[in-house]
Amino acid sequence: MGIDVVWKGESGAVLGEVADPHMLLSRFVNTVQRAVPESVCLRFLDPAGDVCFNQLQIPVLAQELALAVRAIGEPRLQSHLAQVRALAERANALHTYLWFIGD
């Protein structure tokens, strides 16, 4: 199982989602420190657990995802990270959260 990314509102309503059926994000977690060594948020992703980012953390996460897209050489992973970044940019609003839901 991959790490699905879900944008939720304060009430828990799902506002957007990027699924990870091919475990691209799960495999990326193992290379985060090499791909984005200055990571503040991405280093906390856990393929076996859940991570939640709030409205103050989401802009930092989106910047790190942009760096990761440029640092990764695999086109499928680049595309997937770009989709997650686009979701993070949309989720940059009051009272919303970005959940990374692992195994």
PDB file of N, CA and C in Angstrom:
ATOM      1  N   MET A   1       0.842  -1.183   0.000  1.00  0.00           N
ATOM      2  CA  MET A   1       0.000   0.000   0.000  1.00  0.00           C
ATOM      3  C   MET A   1       0.884   1.240   0.000  1.00  0.00           C
ATOM      4  N   GLY A   2       0.486   2.243  -0.740  1.00  0.00           N
ATOM      5  CA  GLY A   2       1.252   3.478  -0.826  1.00  0.00           C
ATOM      6  C   GLY A   2       0.851   4.475   0.237  1.00  0.00           C
ATOM      7  N   ILE A   3       1.359   5.679   0.078  1.00  0.00           N
ATOM      8  CA  ILE A   3       1.003   6.783   0.976  1.00  0.00           C
ATOM      9  C   ILE A   3       0.043   7.675   0.211  1.00  0.00           C
ATOM     10  N   ASP A   4      -1.230   7.632   0.572  1.00  0.00           N
ATOM     11  CA  ASP A   4      -2.230   8.487  -0.061  1.00  0.00           C
ATOM     12  C   ASP A   4      -2.208   9.858   0.611  1.00  0.00           C
ATOM     13  N   VAL A   5      -2.405  10.901  -0.185  1.00  0.00           N
ATOM     14  CA  VAL A   5      -2.413  12.263   0.329  1.00  0.00           C
ATOM     15  C   VAL A   5      -3.841  12.773   0.244  1.00  0.00           C
ATOM     16  N   VAL A   6      -4.377  13.217   1.386  1.00  0.00           N
ATOM     17  CA  VAL A   6      -5.775  13.646   1.457  1.00  0.00           C
ATOM     18  C   VAL A   6      -5.837  15.034   2.075  1.00  0.00           C
ATOM     19  N   TRP A   7      -6.504  15.932   1.375  1.00  0.00           N
ATOM     20  CA  TRP A   7      -6.739  17.284   1.860  1.00  0.00           C
ATOM     21  C   TRP A   7      -8.092  17.276   2.553  1.00  0.00           C
ATOM     22  N   LYS A   8      -8.099  17.647   3.826  1.00  0.00           N
ATOM     23  CA  LYS A   8      -9.340  17.641   4.595  1.00  0.00           C
ATOM     24  C   LYS A   8      -9.618  19.013   5.186  1.00  0.00           C
ATOM     25  N   GLY A   9     -10.907  19.315   5.288  1.00  0.00           N
ATOM     26  CA  GLY A   9     -11.329  20.514   5.966  1.00  0.00           C
ATOM     27  C   GLY A   9     -11.383  20.280   7.466  1.00  0.00           C
ATOM     28  N   GLU A  10     -11.645  21.328   8.192  1.00  0.00           N
ATOM     29  CA  GLU A  10     -11.679  21.253   9.658  1.00  0.00           C
ATOM     30  C   GLU A  10     -12.691  20.230  10.168  1.00  0.00           C
ATOM     31  N   SER A  11     -13.793  20.060   9.446  1.00  0.00           N
ATOM     32  CA  SER A  11     -14.822  19.101   9.863  1.00  0.00           C
ATOM     33  C   SER A  11     -14.481  17.665   9.474  1.00  0.00           C
ATOM     34  N   GLY A  12     -13.384  17.491   8.732  1.00  0.00           N
ATOM     35  CA  GLY A  12     -12.987  16.156   8.284  1.00  0.00           C
ATOM     36  C   GLY A  12     -13.440  15.832   6.869  1.00  0.00           C
ATOM     37  N   ALA A  13     -14.157  16.740   6.241  1.00  0.00           N
ATOM     38  CA  ALA A  13     -14.616  16.522   4.868  1.00  0.00           C
ATOM     39  C   ALA A  13     -13.416  16.474   3.917  1.00  0.00           C
ATOM     40  N   VAL A  14     -13.414  15.506   3.010  1.00  0.00           N
ATOM     41  CA  VAL A  14     -12.339  15.376   2.028  1.00  0.00           C
ATOM     42  C   VAL A  14     -12.555  16.406   0.924  1.00  0.00           C
ATOM     43  N   LEU A  15     -11.527  17.234   0.689  1.00  0.00           N
ATOM     44  CA  LEU A  15     -11.600  18.293  -0.305  1.00  0.00           C
ATOM     45  C   LEU A  15     -10.776  17.978  -1.556  1.00  0.00           C
ATOM     46  N   GLY A  16      -9.902  17.001  -1.456  1.00  0.00           N
ATOM     47  CA  GLY A  16      -9.064  16.594  -2.575  1.00  0.00           C
ATOM     48  C   GLY A  16      -8.196  15.424  -2.157  1.00  0.00           C
ATOM     49  N   GLU A  17      -7.656  14.724  -3.154  1.00  0.00           N
ATOM     50  CA  GLU A  17      -6.882  13.525  -2.837  1.00  0.00           C
ATOM     51  C   GLU A  17      -5.942  13.163  -3.977  1.00  0.00           C
ATOM     52  N   VAL A  18      -4.773  12.628  -3.620  1.00  0.00           N
ATOM     53  CA  VAL A  18      -3.853  12.034  -4.580  1.00  0.00           C
ATOM     54  C   VAL A  18      -3.530  10.644  -4.039  1.00  0.00           C
ATOM     55  N   ALA A  19      -4.008   9.624  -4.724  1.00  0.00           N
ATOM     56  CA  ALA A  19      -3.769   8.244  -4.300  1.00  0.00           C
ATOM     57  C   ALA A  19      -2.379   7.794  -4.761  1.00  0.00           C
ATOM     58  N   ASP A  20      -1.856   6.785  -4.100  1.00  0.00           N
ATOM     59  CA  ASP A  20      -0.525   6.255  -4.415  1.00  0.00           C
ATOM     60  C   ASP A  20      -0.586   4.744  -4.632  1.00  0.00           C
ATOM     61  N   PRO A  21      -1.342   4.284  -5.647  1.00  0.00           N
ATOM     62  CA  PRO A  21      -1.510   2.843  -5.842  1.00  0.00           C
ATOM     63  C   PRO A  21      -0.221   2.125  -6.256  1.00  0.00           C
ATOM     64  N   HIS A  22       0.734   2.858  -6.817  1.00  0.00           N
ATOM     65  CA  HIS A  22       1.977   2.232  -7.271  1.00  0.00           C
ATOM     66  C   HIS A  22       3.124   2.420  -6.274  1.00  0.00           C
ATOM     67  N   MET A  23       2.794   2.906  -5.092  1.00  0.00           N
ATOM     68  CA  MET A  23       3.756   3.074  -3.994  1.00  0.00           C
ATOM     69  C   MET A  23       4.922   3.994  -4.353  1.00  0.00           C
ATOM     70  N   LEU A  24       4.683   4.975  -5.201  1.00  0.00           N
ATOM     71  CA  LEU A  24       5.735   5.907  -5.598  1.00  0.00           C
ATOM     72  C   LEU A  24       6.196   6.752  -4.417  1.00  0.00           C
ATOM     73  N   LEU A  25       5.251   7.291  -3.675  1.00  0.00           N
ATOM     74  CA  LEU A  25       5.591   8.124  -2.531  1.00  0.00           C
ATOM     75  C   LEU A  25       6.225   7.290  -1.419  1.00  0.00           C
ATOM     76  N   SER A  26       5.761   6.072  -1.270  1.00  0.00           N
ATOM     77  CA  SER A  26       6.336   5.174  -0.266  1.00  0.00           C
ATOM     78  C   SER A  26       7.819   4.926  -0.543  1.00  0.00           C
ATOM     79  N   ARG A  27       8.164   4.701  -1.798  1.00  0.00           N
ATOM     80  CA  ARG A  27       9.572   4.472  -2.151  1.00  0.00           C
ATOM     81  C   ARG A  27      10.382   5.759  -2.038  1.00  0.00           C
ATOM     82  N   PHE A  28       9.765   6.893  -2.347  1.00  0.00           N
ATOM     83  CA  PHE A  28      10.442   8.188  -2.255  1.00  0.00           C
ATOM     84  C   PHE A  28      10.872   8.488  -0.818  1.00  0.00           C
ATOM     85  N   VAL A  29      10.075   8.077   0.150  1.00  0.00           N
ATOM     86  CA  VAL A  29      10.379   8.341   1.559  1.00  0.00           C
ATOM     87  C   VAL A  29      11.779   7.846   1.911  1.00  0.00           C
ATOM     88  N   ASN A  30      12.190   6.746   1.325  1.00  0.00           N
ATOM     89  CA  ASN A  30      13.514   6.191   1.620  1.00  0.00           C
ATOM     90  C   ASN A  30      14.656   7.027   1.051  1.00  0.00           C
ATOM     91  N   THR A  31      14.353   7.944   0.126  1.00  0.00           N
ATOM     92  CA  THR A  31      15.396   8.759  -0.499  1.00  0.00           C
ATOM     93  C   THR A  31      15.271  10.241  -0.181  1.00  0.00           C
ATOM     94  N   VAL A  32      14.352  10.620   0.685  1.00  0.00           N
ATOM     95  CA  VAL A  32      14.112  12.036   0.973  1.00  0.00           C
ATOM     96  C   VAL A  32      15.385  12.745   1.412  1.00  0.00           C
ATOM     97  N   GLN A  33      16.129  12.163   2.323  1.00  0.00           N
ATOM     98  CA  GLN A  33      17.321  12.846   2.852  1.00  0.00           C
ATOM     99  C   GLN A  33      18.361  13.106   1.771  1.00  0.00           C
ATOM    100  N   ARG A  34      18.444  12.225   0.773  1.00  0.00           N
ATOM    101  CA  ARG A  34      19.376  12.463  -0.329  1.00  0.00           C
ATOM    102  C   ARG A  34      18.811  13.463  -1.318  1.00  0.00           C
ATOM    103  N   ALA A  35      17.515  13.360  -1.610  1.00  0.00           N
ATOM    104  CA  ALA A  35      16.888  14.217  -2.625  1.00  0.00           C
ATOM    105  C   ALA A  35      16.686  15.641  -2.117  1.00  0.00           C
ATOM    106  N   VAL A  36      16.259  15.771  -0.874  1.00  0.00           N
ATOM    107  CA  VAL A  36      15.976  17.088  -0.296  1.00  0.00           C
ATOM    108  C   VAL A  36      16.593  17.129   1.113  1.00  0.00           C
ATOM    109  N   PRO A  37      17.932  17.251   1.190  1.00  0.00           N
ATOM    110  CA  PRO A  37      18.588  17.173   2.492  1.00  0.00           C
ATOM    111  C   PRO A  37      18.167  18.266   3.469  1.00  0.00           C
ATOM    112  N   GLU A  38      17.708  19.403   2.956  1.00  0.00           N
ATOM    113  CA  GLU A  38      17.283  20.507   3.821  1.00  0.00           C
ATOM    114  C   GLU A  38      15.821  20.379   4.254  1.00  0.00           C
ATOM    115  N   SER A  39      15.234  19.237   4.031  1.00  0.00           N
ATOM    116  CA  SER A  39      13.827  19.003   4.339  1.00  0.00           C
ATOM    117  C   SER A  39      13.491  19.273   5.798  1.00  0.00           C
ATOM    118  N   VAL A  40      12.387  19.985   5.981  1.00  0.00           N
ATOM    119  CA  VAL A  40      11.835  20.206   7.313  1.00  0.00           C
ATOM    120  C   VAL A  40      10.594  19.335   7.486  1.00  0.00           C
ATOM    121  N   CYS A  41       9.771  19.259   6.457  1.00  0.00           N
ATOM    122  CA  CYS A  41       8.506  18.516   6.529  1.00  0.00           C
ATOM    123  C   CYS A  41       8.589  17.116   5.923  1.00  0.00           C
ATOM    124  N   LEU A  42       9.166  17.001   4.732  1.00  0.00           N
ATOM    125  CA  LEU A  42       9.166  15.717   4.028  1.00  0.00           C
ATOM    126  C   LEU A  42       9.857  14.612   4.815  1.00  0.00           C
ATOM    127  N   ARG A  43      10.808  14.964   5.646  1.00  0.00           N
ATOM    128  CA  ARG A  43      11.537  13.934   6.395  1.00  0.00           C
ATOM    129  C   ARG A  43      10.662  13.211   7.399  1.00  0.00           C
ATOM    130  N   PHE A  44       9.475  13.764   7.691  1.00  0.00           N
ATOM    131  CA  PHE A  44       8.579  13.132   8.652  1.00  0.00           C
ATOM    132  C   PHE A  44       7.594  12.159   8.015  1.00  0.00           C
ATOM    133  N   LEU A  45       7.601  12.026   6.689  1.00  0.00           N
ATOM    134  CA  LEU A  45       6.701  11.072   6.039  1.00  0.00           C
ATOM    135  C   LEU A  45       7.066   9.656   6.455  1.00  0.00           C
ATOM    136  N   ASP A  46       6.047   8.860   6.696  1.00  0.00           N
ATOM    137  CA  ASP A  46       6.232   7.508   7.215  1.00  0.00           C
ATOM    138  C   ASP A  46       5.349   6.551   6.419  1.00  0.00           C
ATOM    139  N   PRO A  47       5.950   5.605   5.686  1.00  0.00           N
ATOM    140  CA  PRO A  47       5.129   4.690   4.890  1.00  0.00           C
ATOM    141  C   PRO A  47       4.226   3.797   5.725  1.00  0.00           C
ATOM    142  N   ALA A  48       4.520   3.649   7.009  1.00  0.00           N
ATOM    143  CA  ALA A  48       3.714   2.771   7.867  1.00  0.00           C
ATOM    144  C   ALA A  48       2.789   3.544   8.798  1.00  0.00           C
ATOM    145  N   GLY A  49       2.783   4.859   8.711  1.00  0.00           N
ATOM    146  CA  GLY A  49       1.949   5.644   9.621  1.00  0.00           C
ATOM    147  C   GLY A  49       1.330   6.841   8.925  1.00  0.00           C
ATOM    148  N   ASP A  50       0.643   7.661   9.677  1.00  0.00           N
ATOM    149  CA  ASP A  50      -0.018   8.850   9.149  1.00  0.00           C
ATOM    150  C   ASP A  50       0.709  10.102   9.627  1.00  0.00           C
ATOM    151  N   VAL A  51       0.713  11.121   8.766  1.00  0.00           N
ATOM    152  CA  VAL A  51       1.300  12.412   9.108  1.00  0.00           C
ATOM    153  C   VAL A  51       0.311  13.476   8.677  1.00  0.00           C
ATOM    154  N   CYS A  52       0.126  14.486   9.518  1.00  0.00           N
ATOM    155  CA  CYS A  52      -0.791  15.579   9.207  1.00  0.00           C
ATOM    156  C   CYS A  52      -0.031  16.898   9.231  1.00  0.00           C
ATOM    157  N   PHE A  53      -0.218  17.700   8.180  1.00  0.00           N
ATOM    158  CA  PHE A  53       0.374  19.029   8.114  1.00  0.00           C
ATOM    159  C   PHE A  53      -0.752  20.066   8.189  1.00  0.00           C
ATOM    160  N   ASN A  54      -0.532  21.114   8.973  1.00  0.00           N
ATOM    161  CA  ASN A  54      -1.543  22.146   9.155  1.00  0.00           C
ATOM    162  C   ASN A  54      -1.290  23.332   8.219  1.00  0.00           C
ATOM    163  N   GLN A  55      -2.128  24.346   8.327  1.00  0.00           N
ATOM    164  CA  GLN A  55      -2.081  25.480   7.409  1.00  0.00           C
ATOM    165  C   GLN A  55      -0.781  26.278   7.499  1.00  0.00           C
ATOM    166  N   LEU A  56      -0.078  26.209   8.621  1.00  0.00           N
ATOM    167  CA  LEU A  56       1.202  26.898   8.739  1.00  0.00           C
ATOM    168  C   LEU A  56       2.341  26.080   8.125  1.00  0.00           C
ATOM    169  N   GLN A  57       2.210  24.778   8.119  1.00  0.00           N
ATOM    170  CA  GLN A  57       3.252  23.894   7.600  1.00  0.00           C
ATOM    171  C   GLN A  57       3.113  23.635   6.095  1.00  0.00           C
ATOM    172  N   ILE A  58       1.910  23.725   5.576  1.00  0.00           N
ATOM    173  CA  ILE A  58       1.651  23.368   4.175  1.00  0.00           C
ATOM    174  C   ILE A  58       2.480  24.187   3.180  1.00  0.00           C
ATOM    175  N   PRO A  59       2.667  25.509   3.354  1.00  0.00           N
ATOM    176  CA  PRO A  59       3.511  26.237   2.386  1.00  0.00           C
ATOM    177  C   PRO A  59       4.963  25.740   2.369  1.00  0.00           C
ATOM    178  N   VAL A  60       5.497  25.384   3.525  1.00  0.00           N
ATOM    179  CA  VAL A  60       6.856  24.842   3.591  1.00  0.00           C
ATOM    180  C   VAL A  60       6.901  23.494   2.872  1.00  0.00           C
ATOM    181  N   LEU A  61       5.899  22.669   3.110  1.00  0.00           N
ATOM    182  CA  LEU A  61       5.793  21.369   2.450  1.00  0.00           C
ATOM    183  C   LEU A  61       5.742  21.534   0.935  1.00  0.00           C
ATOM    184  N   ALA A  62       4.950  22.485   0.449  1.00  0.00           N
ATOM    185  CA  ALA A  62       4.837  22.717  -1.004  1.00  0.00           C
ATOM    186  C   ALA A  62       6.184  23.125  -1.599  1.00  0.00           C
ATOM    187  N   GLN A  63       6.944  23.955  -0.892  1.00  0.00           N
ATOM    188  CA  GLN A  63       8.276  24.344  -1.373  1.00  0.00           C
ATOM    189  C   GLN A  63       9.210  23.143  -1.433  1.00  0.00           C
ATOM    190  N   GLU A  64       9.154  22.303  -0.417  1.00  0.00           N
ATOM    191  CA  GLU A  64      10.003  21.113  -0.398  1.00  0.00           C
ATOM    192  C   GLU A  64       9.621  20.146  -1.524  1.00  0.00           C
ATOM    193  N   LEU A  65       8.341  20.041  -1.803  1.00  0.00           N
ATOM    194  CA  LEU A  65       7.899  19.184  -2.907  1.00  0.00           C
ATOM    195  C   LEU A  65       8.411  19.716  -4.245  1.00  0.00           C
ATOM    196  N   ALA A  66       8.439  21.035  -4.396  1.00  0.00           N
ATOM    197  CA  ALA A  66       8.979  21.634  -5.619  1.00  0.00           C
ATOM    198  C   ALA A  66      10.456  21.285  -5.767  1.00  0.00           C
ATOM    199  N   LEU A  67      11.212  21.353  -4.674  1.00  0.00           N
ATOM    200  CA  LEU A  67      12.629  20.965  -4.703  1.00  0.00           C
ATOM    201  C   LEU A  67      12.785  19.490  -5.057  1.00  0.00           C
ATOM    202  N   ALA A  68      11.920  18.665  -4.497  1.00  0.00           N
ATOM    203  CA  ALA A  68      11.985  17.226  -4.748  1.00  0.00           C
ATOM    204  C   ALA A  68      11.709  16.908  -6.216  1.00  0.00           C
ATOM    205  N   VAL A  69      10.740  17.585  -6.808  1.00  0.00           N
ATOM    206  CA  VAL A  69      10.411  17.355  -8.221  1.00  0.00           C
ATOM    207  C   VAL A  69      11.643  17.621  -9.086  1.00  0.00           C
ATOM    208  N   ARG A  70      12.379  18.684  -8.753  1.00  0.00           N
ATOM    209  CA  ARG A  70      13.573  19.022  -9.535  1.00  0.00           C
ATOM    210  C   ARG A  70      14.735  18.057  -9.261  1.00  0.00           C
ATOM    211  N   ALA A  71      14.789  17.501  -8.055  1.00  0.00           N
ATOM    212  CA  ALA A  71      15.918  16.643  -7.663  1.00  0.00           C
ATOM    213  C   ALA A  71      15.771  15.192  -8.128  1.00  0.00           C
ATOM    214  N   ILE A  72      14.551  14.766  -8.394  1.00  0.00           N
ATOM    215  CA  ILE A  72      14.281  13.374  -8.746  1.00  0.00           C
ATOM    216  C   ILE A  72      14.415  13.188 -10.250  1.00  0.00           C
ATOM    217  N   GLY A  73      15.059  12.106 -10.660  1.00  0.00           N
ATOM    218  CA  GLY A  73      15.246  11.840 -12.081  1.00  0.00           C
ATOM    219  C   GLY A  73      14.218  10.908 -12.691  1.00  0.00           C
ATOM    220  N   GLU A  74      13.383  10.286 -11.883  1.00  0.00           N
ATOM    221  CA  GLU A  74      12.400   9.319 -12.382  1.00  0.00           C
ATOM    222  C   GLU A  74      11.111  10.053 -12.788  1.00  0.00           C
ATOM    223  N   PRO A  75      10.731  10.020 -14.071  1.00  0.00           N
ATOM    224  CA  PRO A  75       9.571  10.771 -14.550  1.00  0.00           C
ATOM    225  C   PRO A  75       8.254  10.438 -13.835  1.00  0.00           C
ATOM    226  N   ARG A  76       7.992   9.158 -13.563  1.00  0.00           N
ATOM    227  CA  ARG A  76       6.726   8.806 -12.887  1.00  0.00           C
ATOM    228  C   ARG A  76       6.670   9.412 -11.494  1.00  0.00           C
ATOM    229  N   LEU A  77       7.773   9.372 -10.775  1.00  0.00           N
ATOM    230  CA  LEU A  77       7.822   9.938  -9.435  1.00  0.00           C
ATOM    231  C   LEU A  77       7.732  11.457  -9.502  1.00  0.00           C
ATOM    232  N   GLN A  78       8.395  12.065 -10.468  1.00  0.00           N
ATOM    233  CA  GLN A  78       8.298  13.516 -10.646  1.00  0.00           C
ATOM    234  C   GLN A  78       6.844  13.932 -10.848  1.00  0.00           C
ATOM    235  N   SER A  79       6.153  13.216 -11.709  1.00  0.00           N
ATOM    236  CA  SER A  79       4.757  13.520 -11.993  1.00  0.00           C
ATOM    237  C   SER A  79       3.898  13.371 -10.737  1.00  0.00           C
ATOM    238  N   HIS A  80       4.133  12.311 -10.005  1.00  0.00           N
ATOM    239  CA  HIS A  80       3.353  12.071  -8.782  1.00  0.00           C
ATOM    240  C   HIS A  80       3.618  13.170  -7.748  1.00  0.00           C
ATOM    241  N   LEU A  81       4.884  13.515  -7.544  1.00  0.00           N
ATOM    242  CA  LEU A  81       5.226  14.577  -6.593  1.00  0.00           C
ATOM    243  C   LEU A  81       4.638  15.921  -7.031  1.00  0.00           C
ATOM    244  N   ALA A  82       4.602  16.155  -8.336  1.00  0.00           N
ATOM    245  CA  ALA A  82       3.994  17.393  -8.852  1.00  0.00           C
ATOM    246  C   ALA A  82       2.500  17.426  -8.538  1.00  0.00           C
ATOM    247  N   GLN A  83       1.835  16.286  -8.622  1.00  0.00           N
ATOM    248  CA  GLN A  83       0.411  16.233  -8.268  1.00  0.00           C
ATOM    249  C   GLN A  83       0.207  16.502  -6.775  1.00  0.00           C
ATOM    250  N   VAL A  84       1.082  15.935  -5.952  1.00  0.00           N
ATOM    251  CA  VAL A  84       0.990  16.168  -4.506  1.00  0.00           C
ATOM    252  C   VAL A  84       1.254  17.641  -4.204  1.00  0.00           C
ATOM    253  N   ARG A  85       2.230  18.226  -4.895  1.00  0.00           N
ATOM    254  CA  ARG A  85       2.524  19.652  -4.697  1.00  0.00           C
ATOM    255  C   ARG A  85       1.316  20.513  -5.089  1.00  0.00           C
ATOM    256  N   ALA A  86       0.695  20.206  -6.210  1.00  0.00           N
ATOM    257  CA  ALA A  86      -0.483  20.969  -6.642  1.00  0.00           C
ATOM    258  C   ALA A  86      -1.594  20.873  -5.600  1.00  0.00           C
ATOM    259  N   LEU A  87      -1.781  19.697  -5.018  1.00  0.00           N
ATOM    260  CA  LEU A  87      -2.781  19.537  -3.962  1.00  0.00           C
ATOM    261  C   LEU A  87      -2.392  20.371  -2.750  1.00  0.00           C
ATOM    262  N   ALA A  88      -1.117  20.370  -2.393  1.00  0.00           N
ATOM    263  CA  ALA A  88      -0.648  21.157  -1.249  1.00  0.00           C
ATOM    264  C   ALA A  88      -0.886  22.648  -1.490  1.00  0.00           C
ATOM    265  N   GLU A  89      -0.657  23.108  -2.694  1.00  0.00           N
ATOM    266  CA  GLU A  89      -0.887  24.521  -3.004  1.00  0.00           C
ATOM    267  C   GLU A  89      -2.365  24.872  -2.911  1.00  0.00           C
ATOM    268  N   ARG A  90      -3.229  23.967  -3.335  1.00  0.00           N
ATOM    269  CA  ARG A  90      -4.671  24.194  -3.213  1.00  0.00           C
ATOM    270  C   ARG A  90      -5.105  24.151  -1.749  1.00  0.00           C
ATOM    271  N   ALA A  91      -4.420  23.341  -0.952  1.00  0.00           N
ATOM    272  CA  ALA A  91      -4.787  23.153   0.457  1.00  0.00           C
ATOM    273  C   ALA A  91      -4.280  24.272   1.347  1.00  0.00           C
ATOM    274  N   ASN A  92      -3.563  25.209   0.789  1.00  0.00           N
ATOM    275  CA  ASN A  92      -3.006  26.303   1.572  1.00  0.00           C
ATOM    276  C   ASN A  92      -4.108  27.310   1.911  1.00  0.00           C
ATOM    277  N   ALA A  93      -4.971  26.916   2.841  1.00  0.00           N
ATOM    278  CA  ALA A  93      -6.112  27.745   3.246  1.00  0.00           C
ATOM    279  C   ALA A  93      -6.359  27.559   4.738  1.00  0.00           C
ATOM    280  N   LEU A  94      -7.121  28.463   5.293  1.00  0.00           N
ATOM    281  CA  LEU A  94      -7.455  28.374   6.715  1.00  0.00           C
ATOM    282  C   LEU A  94      -8.249  27.113   7.026  1.00  0.00           C
ATOM    283  N   HIS A  95      -7.968  26.552   8.157  1.00  0.00           N
ATOM    284  CA  HIS A  95      -8.740  25.425   8.698  1.00  0.00           C
ATOM    285  C   HIS A  95      -8.762  24.196   7.792  1.00  0.00           C
ATOM    286  N   THR A  96      -7.647  23.978   7.076  1.00  0.00           N
ATOM    287  CA  THR A  96      -7.542  22.748   6.291  1.00  0.00           C
ATOM    288  C   THR A  96      -6.242  22.039   6.658  1.00  0.00           C
ATOM    289  N   TYR A  97      -6.206  20.755   6.359  1.00  0.00           N
ATOM    290  CA  TYR A  97      -5.076  19.915   6.735  1.00  0.00           C
ATOM    291  C   TYR A  97      -4.734  18.994   5.583  1.00  0.00           C
ATOM    292  N   LEU A  98      -3.467  18.672   5.463  1.00  0.00           N
ATOM    293  CA  LEU A  98      -3.016  17.737   4.443  1.00  0.00           C
ATOM    294  C   LEU A  98      -2.505  16.488   5.162  1.00  0.00           C
ATOM    295  N   TRP A  99      -3.201  15.391   4.933  1.00  0.00           N
ATOM    296  CA  TRP A  99      -2.880  14.115   5.566  1.00  0.00           C
ATOM    297  C   TRP A  99      -2.122  13.228   4.596  1.00  0.00           C
ATOM    298  N   PHE A 100      -1.046  12.631   5.064  1.00  0.00           N
ATOM    299  CA  PHE A 100      -0.313  11.601   4.326  1.00  0.00           C
ATOM    300  C   PHE A 100      -0.622  10.307   5.056  1.00  0.00           C
ATOM    301  N   ILE A 101      -1.412   9.451   4.431  1.00  0.00           N
ATOM    302  CA  ILE A 101      -1.934   8.266   5.095  1.00  0.00           C
ATOM    303  C   ILE A 101      -1.184   7.031   4.574  1.00  0.00           C
ATOM    304  N   GLY A 102      -0.370   6.461   5.447  1.00  0.00           N
ATOM    305  CA  GLY A 102       0.438   5.297   5.101  1.00  0.00           C
ATOM    306  C   GLY A 102      -0.302   4.003   5.343  1.00  0.00           C
ATOM    307  N   ASP A 103       0.460   2.930   5.308  1.00  0.00           N
ATOM    308  CA  ASP A 103      -0.052   1.570   5.455  1.00  0.00           C
ATOM    309  C   ASP A 103      -0.893   1.382   6.648  1.00  0.00           C
TER     310      ASP A 103
END
